[in-house]
Protein backbone atom coordinates (compact mmCIF):
# COMPACT_ATOMS: atom_id res chain seq x y z
CA MET A 1 -0.03 0.05 0.00
CA GLY A 2 2.50 2.65 1.22
CA HIS A 3 5.91 3.57 0.20
CA VAL A 4 9.08 4.45 1.99
CA ALA A 5 10.70 6.98 -0.44
CA LEU A 6 13.71 8.34 1.29
CA ALA A 7 16.05 7.46 4.15
CA ALA A 8 18.92 9.49 5.58
CA LYS A 9 21.29 9.93 8.41
CA ILE A 10 21.30 13.53 9.36
CA THR A 11 22.92 16.11 11.59
CA HIS A 12 20.98 18.27 14.08
CA VAL A 13 23.86 20.38 15.42
CA PRO A 14 22.44 23.47 17.33
CA SER A 15 25.13 25.54 15.78
CA MET A 16 22.94 25.45 12.63
CA TYR A 17 20.51 27.75 14.45
CA LEU A 18 23.40 30.01 15.62
CA SER A 19 24.41 30.19 11.92
CA GLU A 20 21.17 32.14 11.25
CA LEU A 21 21.72 34.73 13.90
CA ASP A 22 23.86 37.84 13.86
CA GLY A 23 27.26 37.30 15.51
CA PRO A 24 30.60 35.46 14.96
CA ARG A 25 28.93 32.09 14.00
CA ARG A 26 26.61 33.62 11.28
CA GLY A 27 26.70 31.54 8.11
CA THR A 28 29.18 29.00 9.51
CA ARG A 29 26.83 26.03 9.13
CA GLN A 30 25.33 26.91 5.78
CA ASP A 31 26.54 23.68 4.35
CA ALA A 32 24.64 21.67 6.90
CA ILE A 33 21.52 23.85 6.40
CA ASP A 34 21.81 23.41 2.59
CA GLY A 35 21.90 19.68 3.17
CA HIS A 36 18.65 19.75 5.01
CA LEU A 37 17.04 21.97 2.35
CA GLU A 38 18.08 19.43 -0.24
CA ILE A 39 16.61 16.48 1.67
CA GLY A 40 13.45 18.46 2.06
CA ARG A 41 13.30 19.16 -1.68
CA ARG A 42 13.84 15.52 -2.51
CA CYS A 43 11.09 14.46 -0.07
CA ARG A 44 8.67 16.83 -1.87
CA ALA A 45 9.73 15.57 -5.20
CA LEU A 46 9.08 11.99 -4.17
CA GLY A 47 5.65 12.77 -2.75
CA VAL A 48 6.49 12.17 0.89
CA ASP A 49 3.63 13.10 3.21
CA THR A 50 5.22 12.24 6.56
CA ILE A 51 8.68 12.37 7.97
CA VAL A 52 9.52 9.88 10.78
CA VAL A 53 12.58 11.00 12.78
CA PHE A 54 14.54 8.76 14.90
CA ASP A 55 15.61 11.39 17.53
CA THR A 56 18.73 10.80 19.56
CA HIS A 57 17.76 13.59 21.83
CA TRP A 58 14.68 11.84 23.11
CA LEU A 59 15.84 9.86 26.15
CA VAL A 60 13.79 6.89 27.37
CA ASN A 61 14.50 4.26 29.98
CA ALA A 62 11.82 1.63 29.01
CA ASN A 63 10.02 0.63 25.77
CA TYR A 64 10.12 2.48 22.49
CA HIS A 65 7.94 5.67 22.15
CA LEU A 66 6.50 7.63 19.32
CA ASN A 67 5.28 11.22 19.64
CA CYS A 68 2.50 11.34 17.08
CA ALA A 69 0.27 14.19 18.36
CA ALA A 70 -1.97 15.77 15.76
CA HIS A 71 -0.20 19.14 15.81
CA PHE A 72 3.00 20.60 17.40
CA LYS A 73 3.55 24.26 18.16
CA GLY A 74 5.68 26.06 20.69
CA LEU A 75 9.02 27.64 21.73
CA TYR A 76 11.98 25.42 22.54
CA THR A 77 15.14 26.20 24.68
CA SER A 78 17.73 23.47 24.94
CA ASN A 79 18.32 22.25 28.49
CA GLU A 80 21.80 21.03 27.27
CA LEU A 81 22.91 23.99 25.31
CA PRO A 82 20.64 26.99 26.20
CA HIS A 83 23.27 29.40 24.81
CA PHE A 84 22.92 27.71 21.36
CA ILE A 85 19.24 27.16 21.11
CA SER A 86 16.94 29.57 22.92
CA ASN A 87 13.30 30.35 22.21
CA LEU A 88 13.27 28.44 18.89
CA GLY A 89 9.80 28.69 17.47
CA PHE A 90 8.33 25.58 15.80
CA GLU A 91 5.01 24.42 14.32
CA PHE A 92 4.09 21.54 12.08
CA PRO A 93 1.37 18.85 11.84
CA GLY A 94 1.65 15.32 13.27
CA ASN A 95 0.28 12.08 12.11
CA PRO A 96 -1.63 10.06 14.75
CA GLU A 97 -2.84 7.49 12.29
CA LEU A 98 0.58 6.56 11.10
CA GLY A 99 1.96 6.63 14.66
CA ALA A 100 -0.64 3.98 15.69
CA LEU A 101 0.23 1.87 12.67
CA LEU A 102 3.95 1.89 13.38
CA ALA A 103 3.46 1.03 17.09
CA ARG A 104 1.14 -1.81 16.26
CA GLU A 105 3.49 -3.47 13.74
CA CYS A 106 6.50 -3.02 16.11
CA ASN A 107 4.59 -4.75 18.94
CA ALA A 108 3.60 -7.49 16.59
CA ALA A 109 7.30 -7.95 15.85
CA GLY A 110 8.04 -8.34 19.59
CA VAL A 111 9.29 -4.77 20.14
CA GLU A 112 7.43 -3.09 22.82
CA THR A 113 6.34 0.33 21.46
CA LEU A 114 3.94 3.00 22.60
CA ALA A 115 2.31 5.67 20.49
CA HIS A 116 1.40 8.98 22.17
CA ALA A 117 -1.26 10.80 20.21
CA HIS A 118 -2.85 12.68 23.11
CA THR A 119 0.14 14.31 24.78
CA THR A 120 1.51 17.68 25.77
CA LEU A 121 5.04 16.27 25.09
CA ASN A 122 6.92 18.30 22.40
CA PRO A 123 9.67 16.89 20.21
CA GLU A 124 13.28 17.28 21.09
CA TYR A 125 15.80 19.20 19.11
CA GLY A 126 16.89 16.21 17.12
CA THR A 127 13.47 16.54 15.44
CA LEU A 128 12.95 20.33 15.76
CA VAL A 129 16.26 21.32 14.02
CA PRO A 130 15.90 19.44 10.86
CA MET A 131 12.19 20.28 10.65
CA ARG A 132 13.16 24.06 10.80
CA TYR A 133 14.91 23.65 7.47
CA MET A 134 13.04 20.83 5.82
CA ASN A 135 9.62 21.75 6.82
CA ALA A 136 9.42 25.51 7.37
CA ASP A 137 6.16 25.65 5.43
CA GLN A 138 4.56 22.75 7.31
CA HIS A 139 4.33 20.70 4.24
CA PHE A 140 5.14 17.43 5.90
CA LYS A 141 3.45 15.70 8.89
CA VAL A 142 5.97 14.51 11.45
CA VAL A 143 6.33 11.53 13.83
CA SER A 144 9.24 11.53 16.31
CA VAL A 145 10.65 8.34 17.67
CA SER A 146 12.73 7.90 20.84
CA ALA A 147 16.25 6.97 19.88
CA LEU A 148 18.31 7.84 23.00
CA CYS A 149 17.61 4.31 24.42
CA MET A 150 19.20 3.74 27.82
CA ALA A 151 18.26 0.11 28.47
CA HIS A 152 17.76 -1.40 24.96
CA TYR A 153 19.46 -3.80 22.62
CA LEU A 154 20.59 -2.54 19.29
CA ASN A 155 19.11 -5.47 17.58
CA ASP A 156 15.72 -4.47 18.92
CA SER A 157 16.19 -1.06 17.40
CA ALA A 158 16.98 -2.72 14.07
CA ARG A 159 13.92 -4.86 14.44
CA LEU A 160 11.86 -1.71 15.17
CA GLY A 161 13.11 -0.12 11.87
CA TRP A 162 12.22 -3.29 9.89
CA ALA A 163 8.77 -3.43 11.45
CA MET A 164 8.14 0.24 10.64
CA ARG A 165 8.93 -0.20 7.01
CA ARG A 166 6.55 -3.16 6.95
CA ALA A 167 3.88 -1.02 8.54
CA VAL A 168 4.20 1.60 5.92
CA GLU A 169 4.37 -0.79 3.01
CA GLN A 170 1.51 -3.13 4.11
CA HIS A 171 -0.87 -0.87 6.00
CA TYR A 172 -0.32 2.89 5.27
CA ASP A 173 -1.97 4.74 2.37
CA GLY A 174 0.87 7.21 1.86
CA CYS A 175 4.51 8.01 1.34
CA VAL A 176 7.07 8.23 4.26
CA ALA A 177 10.72 9.29 4.77
CA PHE A 178 12.89 7.89 7.62
CA LEU A 179 15.58 10.14 9.08
CA ALA A 180 18.16 8.93 11.68
CA SER A 181 18.95 12.22 13.51
CA GLY A 182 22.20 11.96 15.23
CA SER A 183 25.94 12.29 14.80
CA LEU A 184 28.58 9.72 14.09
CA SER A 185 31.24 10.08 16.85
CA HIS A 186 29.80 12.17 19.65
CA ARG A 187 32.64 12.89 22.01
CA PHE A 188 32.01 16.55 22.98
CA ALA A 189 34.97 18.85 23.56
CA GLN A 190 35.99 18.95 27.18
CA ASN A 191 34.49 21.81 29.16
CA GLY A 192 36.43 25.04 28.46
CA LEU A 193 37.69 23.76 25.09
CA ALA A 194 34.47 24.06 23.20
CA PRO A 195 35.38 27.27 21.25
CA GLU A 196 38.70 25.65 20.16
CA PHE A 197 36.90 22.59 18.85
CA ALA A 198 33.85 24.45 17.27
CA PHE A 199 34.80 23.18 13.91
CA LYS A 200 36.92 20.09 14.80
CA VAL A 201 36.45 16.37 15.83
CA TRP A 202 37.64 15.60 19.30
CA SER A 203 40.53 13.22 18.34
CA PRO A 204 42.27 11.92 15.13
CA PHE A 205 41.13 8.42 16.13
CA LEU A 206 37.52 9.39 16.08
CA GLU A 207 37.76 11.37 12.94
CA ASN A 208 39.50 8.56 11.10
CA LEU A 209 36.94 6.02 12.46
CA ASP A 210 34.12 8.21 11.15
CA ARG A 211 35.73 8.73 7.77
CA SER A 212 36.36 4.94 7.42
CA VAL A 213 32.68 4.26 8.28
CA LEU A 214 31.57 6.70 5.64
CA GLN A 215 33.81 4.98 3.08
CA LEU A 216 31.98 1.81 3.85
CA TRP A 217 28.61 3.48 3.39
CA GLN A 218 29.69 5.01 0.03
CA GLN A 219 30.97 1.58 -1.15
CA GLY A 220 27.86 -0.28 0.02
CA ASP A 221 29.70 -2.49 2.32
CA TRP A 222 26.88 -2.81 4.89
CA ALA A 223 27.78 -6.34 6.05
CA THR A 224 31.05 -4.87 7.46
CA PHE A 225 29.41 -1.88 8.98
CA CYS A 226 26.56 -3.73 10.60
CA GLY A 227 29.17 -6.26 12.01
CA MET A 228 31.18 -3.50 13.53
CA LEU A 229 28.25 -1.27 14.76
CA PRO A 230 28.23 -2.46 18.42
CA GLU A 231 31.94 -1.62 18.89
CA TYR A 232 31.54 1.60 16.80
CA ALA A 233 28.75 2.72 18.96
CA ALA A 234 30.77 2.16 22.11
CA LYS A 235 34.34 3.04 21.15
CA GLY A 236 33.31 5.75 18.68
CA HIS A 237 31.12 7.54 21.23
CA GLY A 238 28.10 7.10 18.95
CA GLU A 239 25.32 9.52 19.74
CA GLY A 240 22.42 7.72 21.44
CA PHE A 241 24.44 4.55 21.35
CA MET A 242 23.67 4.70 17.61
CA HIS A 243 20.08 3.36 18.12
CA ASP A 244 18.97 5.73 15.31
CA THR A 245 21.42 4.13 12.91
CA ALA A 246 20.30 0.67 13.81
CA MET A 247 16.62 1.70 13.25
CA LEU A 248 17.56 3.13 9.83
CA LEU A 249 19.57 0.14 8.72
CA GLY A 250 16.78 -2.20 10.00
CA ALA A 251 14.32 -0.41 7.75
CA LEU A 252 16.70 -0.63 4.76
CA GLY A 253 17.51 -4.38 5.11
CA TRP A 254 20.40 -4.49 7.60
CA SER A 255 23.44 -6.25 6.24
CA ALA A 256 21.60 -7.25 3.10
CA TYR A 257 21.05 -3.62 2.16
CA ASP A 258 22.71 -2.87 -1.20
CA GLY A 259 22.44 0.93 -1.51
CA ARG A 260 25.44 3.37 -1.54
CA ALA A 261 25.32 6.60 0.52
CA GLU A 262 25.29 10.00 -0.97
CA LEU A 263 26.80 12.67 1.16
CA VAL A 264 24.71 15.77 0.58
CA THR A 265 26.70 17.55 3.22
CA PRO A 266 30.32 16.36 3.55
CA TYR A 267 31.60 15.17 6.89
CA PHE A 268 32.48 17.98 9.32
CA GLY A 269 33.37 18.56 12.92
CA ALA A 270 31.18 20.34 15.51
CA SER A 271 32.24 21.00 19.13
CA GLY A 272 34.32 17.80 19.00
CA THR A 273 31.60 15.56 17.35
CA GLY A 274 31.58 14.14 13.79
CA GLN A 275 28.57 15.03 11.56
CA VAL A 276 27.17 14.34 8.12
CA ASN A 277 24.01 14.52 6.01
CA ALA A 278 23.86 11.36 3.98
CA ILE A 279 21.08 9.99 1.87
CA LEU A 280 20.74 6.20 1.78
CA PRO A 281 18.72 5.08 -1.28
CA VAL A 282 15.70 2.89 -0.47
CA THR A 283 16.03 -0.42 -2.31
CA PRO A 284 13.63 -3.28 -2.37
CA GLN A 285 13.66 -5.82 0.46
CA SER A 286 13.38 -9.50 -0.21
CA GLY A 287 9.89 -10.54 0.87
CA HIS A 288 8.17 -9.43 4.08
CA ALA A 289 10.03 -11.71 6.60
CA ILE A 290 12.36 -10.05 9.06
CA PRO A 291 15.91 -10.21 7.76
CA ARG A 292 17.77 -13.08 9.22
CA ALA A 293 20.77 -10.82 10.10
CA VAL A 294 18.45 -8.61 12.31
CA ALA A 295 16.59 -11.65 13.88
CA SER A 296 19.87 -13.43 14.85
CA ALA A 297 21.85 -10.34 16.05
CA ALA A 298 21.22 -10.44 19.72
CA ASP A 299 24.55 -12.03 20.71
CA GLY A 300 26.54 -9.51 18.84
CA TYR A 301 24.76 -6.55 20.68
CA THR A 302 25.05 -7.92 24.19
CA ALA A 303 28.43 -6.03 24.69
CA VAL A 304 26.86 -2.71 23.99
CA ALA A 305 23.58 -3.19 25.84
CA SER A 306 25.23 -4.70 28.93
CA ARG A 307 27.06 -1.44 29.70
CA LEU A 308 23.91 0.64 29.75
């Protein structure tokens, strides 16, 4: 019935908002903003009606959660970086119908998921920043998914992504984009050193690790990447333990995925972290059964989950 038209791993660095404002940072993140604008243009061209964001700033301690209220509007100030994002206005429609479908299919796949349609909870800035640039005219409906998962296995996040794609393709009458909103390495600069690392990655090790990963993505070597994801998430300081990335790869077919990443914003450093905007082409999955690599991945993810 439905169609997943676009998938991407995206940045949400708050310095994008600073880049709009008068001051020394004005214009310094235009490349990241332009990447978001391009993703928004492509979503429009593909007929996307709803953007589902895997948000690594939405922290949860049990279950997976979807914020699928009918409408979102407000002012947002970041509790982490209030000097970067303060009184950011936002407004866009939600999609309660799709949220309920996604949660239902995730639960059927054995991943406990709750959809919140009647809530005063607003999205976090992992959703708000990209929607500022991709959805300024409120063209798209939005569903936000918790992806800072504190007591969860990465294989469950991959299964959740797979189940969400199945929900769209089998039960939804519309067109959806999935966005994994989070950095690659996410080791912030030590307190007092943030200005020095405003445009740098924290260490040569982390920068080279990130760049090697992006080479795998551009080559389409997803079997290697999926195999290394647990250690990459841990040793590479992956944002949100890289649950957003596991969700996205689960939706795309996990290690059987055969697409090649397109970097619409080249890799860059921000406050010590490694960032990118990368579109991952959506390719056909074989049948509707959960990919074997996802179903059998539990042992490989125990090392990551056990430290949470």
